[in-house]
Amino acid sequence: MRRARALTEEERALWAAVTRSVRPLPGRAPPAAPPGPSVTVTPPPRPALPPPAPPPRLPPPEIGVGVQPPGLDAKRWRALRRGALKPERTLDLHGMTAARAHAAVRGFLLAAQAERLRVVCIVTGKGSSPEGGVLRRELPHWLNGPELRGLILGAAHPHKANAGAVHLLLRRAR
């Protein structure tokens, strides 16, 4: 016959913790503590939690020329779309290659923000094809690039008959 092994101090402490959290059934006695010295166990210290991370900043919504962006009030949007907000600067891209025009748009918008301008105009031209020219098609992609997207609140053609120009409402510089 095998002899029962004696409980270790850690096992006795664990059993004592379990019996403190259990209620006996009605009419039954609580379980007896195992023989041996009683030991109180202090739980190991919990590791320190890292500080909560700030919530991630969401990128601004995508800009569509002629589409009212969220967060822009209707009155300001209507004024931009109708051409009532007069541009403080204009950039004409006629005759430029796409690469040169992209660099010009980037520099123009960064300078406009540095000067704290609110409304600017970019003239791409209508283009000779029914879909519009290369610059007119590429401008929305450039405006939604990571470097320029945060600068712009809204973009609209100032008049239905003039699809070759885009007025941009810029965000206030912080």
C-alpha atoms as a PDB file:
ATOM      1  CA  MET A   1       0.000   0.000   0.000  1.00  0.00           C
ATOM      2  CA  ARG A   2       1.247   3.436  -0.960  1.00  0.00           C
ATOM      3  CA  ARG A   3       1.572   6.077   1.622  1.00  0.00           C
ATOM      4  CA  ALA A   4      -0.206   9.403   0.945  1.00  0.00           C
ATOM      5  CA  ARG A   5       2.157  12.208   0.277  1.00  0.00           C
ATOM      6  CA  ALA A   6       2.068  15.193   2.620  1.00  0.00           C
ATOM      7  CA  LEU A   7       0.827  18.550   1.295  1.00  0.00           C
ATOM      8  CA  THR A   8       3.369  21.298   0.720  1.00  0.00           C
ATOM      9  CA  GLU A   9       2.964  24.673   2.387  1.00  0.00           C
ATOM     10  CA  GLU A  10       1.850  26.188  -0.922  1.00  0.00           C
ATOM     11  CA  GLU A  11      -0.829  23.502  -1.405  1.00  0.00           C
ATOM     12  CA  ARG A  12      -2.131  24.019   2.153  1.00  0.00           C
ATOM     13  CA  ALA A  13      -2.394  27.764   1.565  1.00  0.00           C
ATOM     14  CA  LEU A  14      -4.202  27.168  -1.723  1.00  0.00           C
ATOM     15  CA  TRP A  15      -6.654  24.784  -0.013  1.00  0.00           C
ATOM     16  CA  ALA A  16      -7.307  27.336   2.736  1.00  0.00           C
ATOM     17  CA  ALA A  17      -8.032  29.994   0.097  1.00  0.00           C
ATOM     18  CA  VAL A  18     -10.453  27.673  -1.711  1.00  0.00           C
ATOM     19  CA  THR A  19     -12.317  26.747   1.467  1.00  0.00           C
ATOM     20  CA  ARG A  20     -12.777  30.405   2.373  1.00  0.00           C
ATOM     21  CA  SER A  21     -14.589  31.012  -0.911  1.00  0.00           C
ATOM     22  CA  VAL A  22     -16.926  27.963  -0.644  1.00  0.00           C
ATOM     23  CA  ARG A  23     -20.133  27.686   1.363  1.00  0.00           C
ATOM     24  CA  PRO A  24     -21.129  24.200   2.503  1.00  0.00           C
ATOM     25  CA  LEU A  25     -24.450  22.753   1.458  1.00  0.00           C
ATOM     26  CA  PRO A  26     -27.237  23.121   4.021  1.00  0.00           C
ATOM     27  CA  GLY A  27     -26.897  20.514   6.780  1.00  0.00           C
ATOM     28  CA  ARG A  28     -23.224  19.811   5.987  1.00  0.00           C
ATOM     29  CA  ALA A  29     -20.133  20.894   7.898  1.00  0.00           C
ATOM     30  CA  PRO A  30     -17.427  22.950   6.228  1.00  0.00           C
ATOM     31  CA  PRO A  31     -14.476  20.901   4.921  1.00  0.00           C
ATOM     32  CA  ALA A  32     -11.745  20.311   7.443  1.00  0.00           C
ATOM     33  CA  ALA A  33      -8.428  21.997   6.957  1.00  0.00           C
ATOM     34  CA  PRO A  34      -5.604  19.630   6.051  1.00  0.00           C
ATOM     35  CA  PRO A  35      -3.215  18.907   8.907  1.00  0.00           C
ATOM     36  CA  GLY A  36      -0.107  20.971   9.198  1.00  0.00           C
ATOM     37  CA  PRO A  37       0.889  24.495  10.026  1.00  0.00           C
ATOM     38  CA  SER A  38      -1.341  27.200   8.657  1.00  0.00           C
ATOM     39  CA  VAL A  39       0.337  29.532   6.213  1.00  0.00           C
ATOM     40  CA  THR A  40      -1.014  32.720   4.754  1.00  0.00           C
ATOM     41  CA  VAL A  41      -0.106  33.276   1.171  1.00  0.00           C
ATOM     42  CA  THR A  42       0.379  36.728  -0.204  1.00  0.00           C
ATOM     43  CA  PRO A  43      -0.287  36.843  -3.906  1.00  0.00           C
ATOM     44  CA  PRO A  44       2.637  37.908  -6.074  1.00  0.00           C
ATOM     45  CA  PRO A  45       2.601  41.571  -7.024  1.00  0.00           C
ATOM     46  CA  ARG A  46       0.840  42.292 -10.275  1.00  0.00           C
ATOM     47  CA  PRO A  47       2.964  43.703 -13.018  1.00  0.00           C
ATOM     48  CA  ALA A  48       2.425  47.388 -13.615  1.00  0.00           C
ATOM     49  CA  LEU A  49       0.113  48.067 -16.517  1.00  0.00           C
ATOM     50  CA  PRO A  50       1.397  50.391 -19.199  1.00  0.00           C
ATOM     51  CA  PRO A  51      -0.324  53.774 -19.316  1.00  0.00           C
ATOM     52  CA  PRO A  52      -3.345  53.832 -21.611  1.00  0.00           C
ATOM     53  CA  ALA A  53      -2.443  54.803 -25.145  1.00  0.00           C
ATOM     54  CA  PRO A  54      -4.172  57.858 -26.589  1.00  0.00           C
ATOM     55  CA  PRO A  55      -6.917  56.977 -29.019  1.00  0.00           C
ATOM     56  CA  PRO A  56      -5.592  56.800 -32.566  1.00  0.00           C
ATOM     57  CA  ARG A  57      -6.247  59.835 -34.712  1.00  0.00           C
ATOM     58  CA  LEU A  58      -8.356  58.989 -37.683  1.00  0.00           C
ATOM     59  CA  PRO A  59      -7.320  60.400 -41.023  1.00  0.00           C
ATOM     60  CA  PRO A  60      -9.531  63.155 -42.383  1.00  0.00           C
ATOM     61  CA  PRO A  61     -12.303  61.988 -44.718  1.00  0.00           C
ATOM     62  CA  GLU A  62     -11.488  61.827 -48.413  1.00  0.00           C
ATOM     63  CA  ILE A  63     -12.082  64.977 -50.444  1.00  0.00           C
ATOM     64  CA  GLY A  64     -14.271  64.784 -53.523  1.00  0.00           C
ATOM     65  CA  VAL A  65     -14.542  67.791 -55.808  1.00  0.00           C
ATOM     66  CA  GLY A  66     -18.159  68.943 -55.627  1.00  0.00           C
ATOM     67  CA  VAL A  67     -19.045  66.666 -52.689  1.00  0.00           C
ATOM     68  CA  GLN A  68     -19.892  68.293 -49.355  1.00  0.00           C
ATOM     69  CA  PRO A  69     -17.451  66.963 -46.757  1.00  0.00           C
ATOM     70  CA  PRO A  70     -18.613  66.023 -43.265  1.00  0.00           C
ATOM     71  CA  GLY A  71     -18.015  68.744 -40.706  1.00  0.00           C
ATOM     72  CA  LEU A  72     -18.485  71.653 -43.126  1.00  0.00           C
ATOM     73  CA  ASP A  73     -21.666  73.591 -42.474  1.00  0.00           C
ATOM     74  CA  ALA A  74     -24.213  73.938 -45.290  1.00  0.00           C
ATOM     75  CA  LYS A  75     -23.948  77.729 -45.519  1.00  0.00           C
ATOM     76  CA  ARG A  76     -20.161  77.703 -46.020  1.00  0.00           C
ATOM     77  CA  TRP A  77     -20.427  74.788 -48.478  1.00  0.00           C
ATOM     78  CA  ARG A  78     -23.089  76.583 -50.544  1.00  0.00           C
ATOM     79  CA  ALA A  79     -20.934  79.723 -50.666  1.00  0.00           C
ATOM     80  CA  LEU A  80     -17.892  77.717 -51.835  1.00  0.00           C
ATOM     81  CA  ARG A  81     -19.889  75.790 -54.433  1.00  0.00           C
ATOM     82  CA  ARG A  82     -21.506  78.932 -55.877  1.00  0.00           C
ATOM     83  CA  GLY A  83     -18.263  80.862 -56.069  1.00  0.00           C
ATOM     84  CA  ALA A  84     -19.301  83.398 -53.416  1.00  0.00           C
ATOM     85  CA  LEU A  85     -16.060  82.775 -51.502  1.00  0.00           C
ATOM     86  CA  LYS A  86     -13.491  84.591 -53.608  1.00  0.00           C
ATOM     87  CA  PRO A  87     -10.052  82.967 -53.846  1.00  0.00           C
ATOM     88  CA  GLU A  88      -7.148  84.841 -52.312  1.00  0.00           C
ATOM     89  CA  ARG A  89      -4.603  83.175 -54.656  1.00  0.00           C
ATOM     90  CA  THR A  90      -4.849  81.297 -57.957  1.00  0.00           C
ATOM     91  CA  LEU A  91      -2.573  78.667 -59.473  1.00  0.00           C
ATOM     92  CA  ASP A  92      -2.861  78.063 -63.231  1.00  0.00           C
ATOM     93  CA  LEU A  93      -1.610  74.631 -64.341  1.00  0.00           C
ATOM     94  CA  HIS A  94      -2.149  75.139 -68.112  1.00  0.00           C
ATOM     95  CA  GLY A  95       0.724  73.759 -70.148  1.00  0.00           C
ATOM     96  CA  MET A  96       2.365  71.815 -67.296  1.00  0.00           C
ATOM     97  CA  THR A  97       3.196  68.135 -67.289  1.00  0.00           C
ATOM     98  CA  ALA A  98       1.533  66.017 -64.593  1.00  0.00           C
ATOM     99  CA  ALA A  99       4.746  65.717 -62.557  1.00  0.00           C
ATOM    100  CA  ARG A 100       5.447  69.446 -62.701  1.00  0.00           C
ATOM    101  CA  ALA A 101       1.795  70.281 -61.921  1.00  0.00           C
ATOM    102  CA  HIS A 102       1.807  67.948 -58.905  1.00  0.00           C
ATOM    103  CA  ALA A 103       4.887  69.666 -57.473  1.00  0.00           C
ATOM    104  CA  ALA A 104       3.327  73.077 -58.172  1.00  0.00           C
ATOM    105  CA  VAL A 105       0.055  72.134 -56.398  1.00  0.00           C
ATOM    106  CA  ARG A 106       1.960  70.812 -53.390  1.00  0.00           C
ATOM    107  CA  GLY A 107       4.117  73.930 -53.070  1.00  0.00           C
ATOM    108  CA  PHE A 108       1.159  76.244 -53.687  1.00  0.00           C
ATOM    109  CA  LEU A 109      -1.018  74.668 -50.980  1.00  0.00           C
ATOM    110  CA  LEU A 110       1.768  74.504 -48.396  1.00  0.00           C
ATOM    111  CA  ALA A 111       2.587  78.173 -49.037  1.00  0.00           C
ATOM    112  CA  ALA A 112      -1.108  79.110 -48.849  1.00  0.00           C
ATOM    113  CA  GLN A 113      -1.442  77.417 -45.482  1.00  0.00           C
ATOM    114  CA  ALA A 114       1.719  79.141 -44.225  1.00  0.00           C
ATOM    115  CA  GLU A 115       0.193  82.478 -45.280  1.00  0.00           C
ATOM    116  CA  ARG A 116      -3.051  81.515 -43.469  1.00  0.00           C
ATOM    117  CA  LEU A 117      -5.155  81.824 -46.632  1.00  0.00           C
ATOM    118  CA  ARG A 118      -8.661  80.333 -46.506  1.00  0.00           C
ATOM    119  CA  VAL A 119      -9.772  80.056 -50.154  1.00  0.00           C
ATOM    120  CA  VAL A 120      -7.539  79.332 -53.145  1.00  0.00           C
ATOM    121  CA  CYS A 121      -8.222  78.415 -56.760  1.00  0.00           C
ATOM    122  CA  ILE A 122      -6.453  75.843 -58.913  1.00  0.00           C
ATOM    123  CA  VAL A 123      -7.073  76.060 -62.661  1.00  0.00           C
ATOM    124  CA  THR A 124      -6.528  72.729 -64.402  1.00  0.00           C
ATOM    125  CA  GLY A 125      -8.399  73.444 -67.615  1.00  0.00           C
ATOM    126  CA  LYS A 126     -11.218  71.330 -68.988  1.00  0.00           C
ATOM    127  CA  GLY A 127      -9.107  69.131 -71.219  1.00  0.00           C
ATOM    128  CA  SER A 128      -9.919  68.075 -74.757  1.00  0.00           C
ATOM    129  CA  SER A 129     -11.427  64.651 -74.018  1.00  0.00           C
ATOM    130  CA  PRO A 130     -14.986  64.169 -72.677  1.00  0.00           C
ATOM    131  CA  GLU A 131     -13.591  62.856 -69.358  1.00  0.00           C
ATOM    132  CA  GLY A 132     -11.423  65.937 -68.908  1.00  0.00           C
ATOM    133  CA  GLY A 133      -7.704  66.452 -69.124  1.00  0.00           C
ATOM    134  CA  VAL A 134      -4.992  64.586 -67.241  1.00  0.00           C
ATOM    135  CA  LEU A 135      -4.521  67.380 -64.704  1.00  0.00           C
ATOM    136  CA  ARG A 136      -8.243  67.642 -64.028  1.00  0.00           C
ATOM    137  CA  ARG A 137      -8.461  63.876 -63.412  1.00  0.00           C
ATOM    138  CA  GLU A 138      -5.313  63.770 -61.257  1.00  0.00           C
ATOM    139  CA  LEU A 139      -6.035  66.790 -59.028  1.00  0.00           C
ATOM    140  CA  PRO A 140      -8.424  64.926 -56.636  1.00  0.00           C
ATOM    141  CA  HIS A 141      -5.790  62.185 -56.179  1.00  0.00           C
ATOM    142  CA  TRP A 142      -3.134  64.760 -55.334  1.00  0.00           C
ATOM    143  CA  LEU A 143      -5.446  66.542 -52.878  1.00  0.00           C
ATOM    144  CA  ASN A 144      -6.149  63.244 -51.086  1.00  0.00           C
ATOM    145  CA  GLY A 145      -2.469  62.391 -50.727  1.00  0.00           C
ATOM    146  CA  PRO A 146      -1.199  62.102 -47.134  1.00  0.00           C
ATOM    147  CA  GLU A 147       0.730  65.379 -47.233  1.00  0.00           C
ATOM    148  CA  LEU A 148      -2.090  67.589 -48.558  1.00  0.00           C
ATOM    149  CA  ARG A 149      -5.274  65.920 -47.277  1.00  0.00           C
ATOM    150  CA  GLY A 150      -5.053  67.476 -43.833  1.00  0.00           C
ATOM    151  CA  LEU A 151      -4.892  71.006 -45.286  1.00  0.00           C
ATOM    152  CA  ILE A 152      -8.214  70.981 -47.144  1.00  0.00           C
ATOM    153  CA  LEU A 153     -11.778  71.252 -45.833  1.00  0.00           C
ATOM    154  CA  GLY A 154     -13.661  71.212 -49.125  1.00  0.00           C
ATOM    155  CA  ALA A 155     -13.279  71.447 -52.886  1.00  0.00           C
ATOM    156  CA  ALA A 156     -15.826  72.581 -55.467  1.00  0.00           C
ATOM    157  CA  HIS A 157     -16.121  73.939 -58.967  1.00  0.00           C
ATOM    158  CA  PRO A 158     -17.155  77.596 -58.521  1.00  0.00           C
ATOM    159  CA  HIS A 159     -19.675  77.406 -61.350  1.00  0.00           C
ATOM    160  CA  LYS A 160     -21.387  74.514 -63.138  1.00  0.00           C
ATOM    161  CA  ALA A 161     -20.163  75.772 -66.504  1.00  0.00           C
ATOM    162  CA  ASN A 162     -16.529  76.016 -65.330  1.00  0.00           C
ATOM    163  CA  ALA A 163     -15.285  72.515 -64.553  1.00  0.00           C
ATOM    164  CA  GLY A 164     -11.697  73.564 -65.301  1.00  0.00           C
ATOM    165  CA  ALA A 165     -11.228  75.422 -62.016  1.00  0.00           C
ATOM    166  CA  VAL A 166     -11.493  74.180 -58.442  1.00  0.00           C
ATOM    167  CA  HIS A 167     -11.917  76.384 -55.382  1.00  0.00           C
ATOM    168  CA  LEU A 168     -10.432  74.928 -52.210  1.00  0.00           C
ATOM    169  CA  LEU A 169     -11.424  75.883 -48.683  1.00  0.00           C
ATOM    170  CA  LEU A 170      -8.352  75.385 -46.517  1.00  0.00           C
ATOM    171  CA  ARG A 171      -8.289  74.465 -42.836  1.00  0.00           C
ATOM    172  CA  ARG A 172      -7.114  77.071 -40.393  1.00  0.00           C
ATOM    173  CA  ALA A 173      -3.447  76.671 -39.509  1.00  0.00           C
ATOM    174  CA  ARG A 174      -2.908  75.553 -35.907  1.00  0.00           C
END
